[in-house]
């Protein structure tokens, strides 16, 4: 199963974004060193939403420098209020 999402990392108190999704993680200082290496040259309005709707190949074609999360692992029990109900459990089941 391939799961394809955009992930937003909020670096400040952006109240206007509160209705656009749910927080699913926090980033500590060690993780922030990884975040600092992500490509940040694309800006809102560059066409990401349309490219994502057309699929991974279109995203890679239009945004060749975009950083990708190729795998992730859940630690602990997923919260019941996950941003996409059931997806954490599906990913966890696949990793077994």
C-alpha atoms as a PDB file:
ATOM      1  CA  UNK A   1       0.000   0.000   0.000  1.00  0.00           C
ATOM      2  CA  UNK A   2       1.394   3.377  -1.017  1.00  0.00           C
ATOM      3  CA  UNK A   3       0.193   6.340   1.005  1.00  0.00           C
ATOM      4  CA  UNK A   4       0.689   9.714  -0.645  1.00  0.00           C
ATOM      5  CA  UNK A   5       0.244  12.887   1.441  1.00  0.00           C
ATOM      6  CA  UNK A   6       1.594  16.360   1.767  1.00  0.00           C
ATOM      7  CA  UNK A   7       3.000  17.093   5.206  1.00  0.00           C
ATOM      8  CA  UNK A   8       3.208  20.639   6.496  1.00  0.00           C
ATOM      9  CA  UNK A   9       5.705  21.586   9.165  1.00  0.00           C
ATOM     10  CA  UNK A  10       4.452  24.627  11.006  1.00  0.00           C
ATOM     11  CA  UNK A  11       7.359  26.656  12.341  1.00  0.00           C
ATOM     12  CA  UNK A  12       5.254  29.251  14.111  1.00  0.00           C
ATOM     13  CA  UNK A  13       1.860  30.066  15.557  1.00  0.00           C
ATOM     14  CA  UNK A  14      -0.161  30.189  12.343  1.00  0.00           C
ATOM     15  CA  UNK A  15      -3.751  30.303  13.581  1.00  0.00           C
ATOM     16  CA  UNK A  16      -5.071  30.657  10.016  1.00  0.00           C
ATOM     17  CA  UNK A  17      -3.914  27.087   9.303  1.00  0.00           C
ATOM     18  CA  UNK A  18      -5.698  25.481  12.258  1.00  0.00           C
ATOM     19  CA  UNK A  19      -8.672  24.307  10.166  1.00  0.00           C
ATOM     20  CA  UNK A  20      -6.494  22.718   7.458  1.00  0.00           C
ATOM     21  CA  UNK A  21      -5.589  19.537   9.301  1.00  0.00           C
ATOM     22  CA  UNK A  22      -4.577  18.047  12.604  1.00  0.00           C
ATOM     23  CA  UNK A  23      -1.189  17.931  14.252  1.00  0.00           C
ATOM     24  CA  UNK A  24       0.173  14.395  14.286  1.00  0.00           C
ATOM     25  CA  UNK A  25       3.680  14.895  15.629  1.00  0.00           C
ATOM     26  CA  UNK A  26       6.044  17.213  17.407  1.00  0.00           C
ATOM     27  CA  UNK A  27       9.633  17.814  16.406  1.00  0.00           C
ATOM     28  CA  UNK A  28      12.451  17.920  18.929  1.00  0.00           C
ATOM     29  CA  UNK A  29      15.838  19.579  18.369  1.00  0.00           C
ATOM     30  CA  UNK A  30      17.438  16.445  16.917  1.00  0.00           C
ATOM     31  CA  UNK A  31      14.576  16.043  14.430  1.00  0.00           C
ATOM     32  CA  UNK A  32      14.747  19.722  13.540  1.00  0.00           C
ATOM     33  CA  UNK A  33      18.239  19.093  12.124  1.00  0.00           C
ATOM     34  CA  UNK A  34      16.547  16.811   9.571  1.00  0.00           C
ATOM     35  CA  UNK A  35      13.775  19.339   8.876  1.00  0.00           C
ATOM     36  CA  UNK A  36      16.421  21.980   8.180  1.00  0.00           C
ATOM     37  CA  UNK A  37      17.751  19.808   5.314  1.00  0.00           C
ATOM     38  CA  UNK A  38      14.359  19.559   3.538  1.00  0.00           C
ATOM     39  CA  UNK A  39      14.022  21.480   0.284  1.00  0.00           C
ATOM     40  CA  UNK A  40      12.030  24.659   0.896  1.00  0.00           C
ATOM     41  CA  UNK A  41      12.216  26.413  -2.464  1.00  0.00           C
ATOM     42  CA  UNK A  42       8.629  25.752  -3.538  1.00  0.00           C
ATOM     43  CA  UNK A  43       5.983  28.143  -2.291  1.00  0.00           C
ATOM     44  CA  UNK A  44       2.228  27.928  -1.796  1.00  0.00           C
ATOM     45  CA  UNK A  45       0.484  28.431  -5.111  1.00  0.00           C
ATOM     46  CA  UNK A  46       3.130  26.711  -7.256  1.00  0.00           C
ATOM     47  CA  UNK A  47       0.592  24.034  -8.252  1.00  0.00           C
ATOM     48  CA  UNK A  48       1.286  21.317  -5.690  1.00  0.00           C
ATOM     49  CA  UNK A  49      -2.388  20.554  -5.038  1.00  0.00           C
ATOM     50  CA  UNK A  50      -3.131  19.896  -8.713  1.00  0.00           C
ATOM     51  CA  UNK A  51       0.035  17.844  -9.144  1.00  0.00           C
ATOM     52  CA  UNK A  52      -0.785  15.723  -6.077  1.00  0.00           C
ATOM     53  CA  UNK A  53      -4.284  15.096  -7.479  1.00  0.00           C
ATOM     54  CA  UNK A  54      -2.701  13.764 -10.694  1.00  0.00           C
ATOM     55  CA  UNK A  55      -0.300  11.440  -8.863  1.00  0.00           C
ATOM     56  CA  UNK A  56       3.263  10.868  -7.819  1.00  0.00           C
ATOM     57  CA  UNK A  57       4.747  10.968 -11.336  1.00  0.00           C
ATOM     58  CA  UNK A  58       3.289  14.436 -11.930  1.00  0.00           C
ATOM     59  CA  UNK A  59       4.619  15.678  -8.589  1.00  0.00           C
ATOM     60  CA  UNK A  60       8.103  14.349  -9.357  1.00  0.00           C
ATOM     61  CA  UNK A  61       8.010  15.895 -12.858  1.00  0.00           C
ATOM     62  CA  UNK A  62       6.842  19.340 -11.711  1.00  0.00           C
ATOM     63  CA  UNK A  63       8.784  19.458  -8.446  1.00  0.00           C
ATOM     64  CA  UNK A  64      12.050  17.562  -8.983  1.00  0.00           C
ATOM     65  CA  UNK A  65      13.733  19.023  -5.892  1.00  0.00           C
ATOM     66  CA  UNK A  66      10.892  18.200  -3.500  1.00  0.00           C
ATOM     67  CA  UNK A  67      11.941  16.193  -0.449  1.00  0.00           C
ATOM     68  CA  UNK A  68      10.166  12.861   0.135  1.00  0.00           C
ATOM     69  CA  UNK A  69       9.478  10.722   3.181  1.00  0.00           C
ATOM     70  CA  UNK A  70      10.146   7.224   1.872  1.00  0.00           C
ATOM     71  CA  UNK A  71       9.282   5.367   5.049  1.00  0.00           C
ATOM     72  CA  UNK A  72       8.104   6.035   8.562  1.00  0.00           C
ATOM     73  CA  UNK A  73       7.467   4.014  11.671  1.00  0.00           C
ATOM     74  CA  UNK A  74       4.915   4.490  14.401  1.00  0.00           C
ATOM     75  CA  UNK A  75       6.108   4.527  17.959  1.00  0.00           C
ATOM     76  CA  UNK A  76       3.657   3.646  20.688  1.00  0.00           C
ATOM     77  CA  UNK A  77      -0.088   3.464  20.261  1.00  0.00           C
ATOM     78  CA  UNK A  78      -1.602   5.735  17.606  1.00  0.00           C
ATOM     79  CA  UNK A  79      -3.971   8.330  19.056  1.00  0.00           C
ATOM     80  CA  UNK A  80      -7.684   7.813  18.401  1.00  0.00           C
ATOM     81  CA  UNK A  81      -7.851  11.328  16.937  1.00  0.00           C
ATOM     82  CA  UNK A  82      -5.401  10.669  14.104  1.00  0.00           C
ATOM     83  CA  UNK A  83      -5.698  13.100  11.206  1.00  0.00           C
ATOM     84  CA  UNK A  84      -6.904  10.298   8.934  1.00  0.00           C
ATOM     85  CA  UNK A  85      -8.879   7.782  10.996  1.00  0.00           C
ATOM     86  CA  UNK A  86      -7.658   4.248  10.442  1.00  0.00           C
ATOM     87  CA  UNK A  87      -4.558   5.085   8.398  1.00  0.00           C
ATOM     88  CA  UNK A  88      -2.153   4.740  11.331  1.00  0.00           C
ATOM     89  CA  UNK A  89      -3.554   1.281  12.074  1.00  0.00           C
ATOM     90  CA  UNK A  90      -3.234   0.238   8.386  1.00  0.00           C
ATOM     91  CA  UNK A  91       0.372   1.378   8.242  1.00  0.00           C
ATOM     92  CA  UNK A  92       1.125  -0.349  11.544  1.00  0.00           C
ATOM     93  CA  UNK A  93      -0.467  -3.609  10.322  1.00  0.00           C
ATOM     94  CA  UNK A  94       1.629  -3.535   7.134  1.00  0.00           C
ATOM     95  CA  UNK A  95       4.855  -3.157   9.047  1.00  0.00           C
ATOM     96  CA  UNK A  96       4.310  -6.432  10.919  1.00  0.00           C
END
